[in-house]
C-alpha atoms as a PDB file:
ATOM      1  CA  MET A   1     157.379 307.178  90.653  1.00  0.00           C
ATOM      2  CA  ARG A   2     161.415 306.042  91.000  1.00  0.00           C
ATOM      3  CA  PRO A   3     162.178 302.456  91.206  1.00  0.00           C
ATOM      4  CA  PRO A   4     164.279 301.085  94.394  1.00  0.00           C
ATOM      5  CA  PRO A   5     167.654 301.244  93.821  1.00  0.00           C
ATOM      6  CA  GLY A   6     169.533 298.361  92.106  1.00  0.00           C
ATOM      7  CA  THR A   7     172.352 296.114  94.176  1.00  0.00           C
ATOM      8  CA  SER A   8     175.302 298.215  92.742  1.00  0.00           C
ATOM      9  CA  ALA A   9     174.081 301.582  94.686  1.00  0.00           C
ATOM     10  CA  THR A  10     172.762 299.444  97.497  1.00  0.00           C
ATOM     11  CA  LEU A  11     176.014 297.697  97.642  1.00  0.00           C
ATOM     12  CA  GLY A  12     177.980 300.665  96.949  1.00  0.00           C
ATOM     13  CA  ALA A  13     180.795 298.488  94.138  1.00  0.00           C
ATOM     14  CA  ALA A  14     180.514 297.844  90.418  1.00  0.00           C
ATOM     15  CA  THR A  15     178.565 295.491  88.640  1.00  0.00           C
ATOM     16  CA  ALA A  16     181.506 293.765  87.858  1.00  0.00           C
ATOM     17  CA  ALA A  17     182.980 293.375  91.373  1.00  0.00           C
ATOM     18  CA  TYR A  18     179.654 291.180  92.648  1.00  0.00           C
ATOM     19  CA  ALA A  19     179.821 289.220  89.308  1.00  0.00           C
ATOM     20  CA  ALA A  20     180.905 285.997  90.975  1.00  0.00           C
ATOM     21  CA  TYR A  21     179.087 286.503  93.719  1.00  0.00           C
ATOM     22  CA  ALA A  22     175.964 287.130  91.835  1.00  0.00           C
ATOM     23  CA  LEU A  23     176.850 284.084  89.758  1.00  0.00           C
ATOM     24  CA  LEU A  24     176.978 281.885  93.391  1.00  0.00           C
ATOM     25  CA  HIS A  25     173.569 283.055  94.045  1.00  0.00           C
ATOM     26  CA  HIS A  26     172.323 281.923  90.781  1.00  0.00           C
ATOM     27  CA  PHE A  27     173.631 278.512  91.029  1.00  0.00           C
ATOM     28  CA  GLY A  28     171.909 278.159  94.623  1.00  0.00           C
ATOM     29  CA  VAL A  29     168.332 279.040  92.944  1.00  0.00           C
ATOM     30  CA  ILE A  30     169.100 276.348  89.996  1.00  0.00           C
ATOM     31  CA  THR A  31     170.564 273.292  92.527  1.00  0.00           C
ATOM     32  CA  ALA A  32     167.331 273.822  94.975  1.00  0.00           C
ATOM     33  CA  VAL A  33     165.291 273.752  92.090  1.00  0.00           C
ATOM     34  CA  ILE A  34     166.778 270.530  91.068  1.00  0.00           C
ATOM     35  CA  CYS A  35     166.956 269.329  94.041  1.00  0.00           C
ATOM     36  CA  GLY A  36     163.059 270.164  94.863  1.00  0.00           C
ATOM     37  CA  TYR A  37     162.289 268.258  91.444  1.00  0.00           C
ATOM     38  CA  THR A  38     164.538 265.296  92.114  1.00  0.00           C
ATOM     39  CA  GLY A  39     163.394 265.235  95.843  1.00  0.00           C
ATOM     40  CA  PHE A  40     167.418 264.465  96.585  1.00  0.00           C
ATOM     41  CA  GLY A  41     168.294 266.010 100.318  1.00  0.00           C
ATOM     42  CA  ILE A  42     169.330 265.297 103.676  1.00  0.00           C
ATOM     43  CA  ALA A  43     167.846 262.225 105.389  1.00  0.00           C
ATOM     44  CA  ARG A  44     167.075 262.737 108.753  1.00  0.00           C
ATOM     45  CA  ARG A  45     168.326 260.493 111.387  1.00  0.00           C
ATOM     46  CA  LYS A  46     165.059 259.793 112.951  1.00  0.00           C
ATOM     47  CA  PRO A  47     161.772 260.837 112.769  1.00  0.00           C
ATOM     48  CA  VAL A  48     160.591 264.371 114.638  1.00  0.00           C
ATOM     49  CA  PRO A  49     158.062 263.696 117.051  1.00  0.00           C
ATOM     50  CA  ARG A  50     154.515 265.145 116.868  1.00  0.00           C
ATOM     51  CA  ALA A  51     153.612 267.619 119.615  1.00  0.00           C
ATOM     52  CA  ALA A  52     151.109 265.610 120.671  1.00  0.00           C
ATOM     53  CA  GLU A  53     153.054 262.121 120.797  1.00  0.00           C
ATOM     54  CA  GLU A  54     155.856 263.814 123.026  1.00  0.00           C
ATOM     55  CA  PRO A  55     157.748 267.637 123.412  1.00  0.00           C
ATOM     56  CA  LEU A  56     160.117 268.305 121.341  1.00  0.00           C
ATOM     57  CA  TRP A  57     162.243 269.283 125.157  1.00  0.00           C
ATOM     58  CA  ALA A  58     162.466 265.932 125.966  1.00  0.00           C
ATOM     59  CA  VAL A  59     164.024 264.430 123.015  1.00  0.00           C
ATOM     60  CA  ALA A  60     167.439 264.061 123.501  1.00  0.00           C
END
């Protein structure tokens, strides 16, 4: 059984051509892990209501 093709075969491009984009991909994963570990994130303006309290379509 053959393994699935790699990114180079799927994109039809040389590995060096997308190396910068692969670096950005890894940077995003590292940033997500750091934010998850530290608890840093985007604060909500107001809390989202629960389904029993008020339907979402009624919130403006």
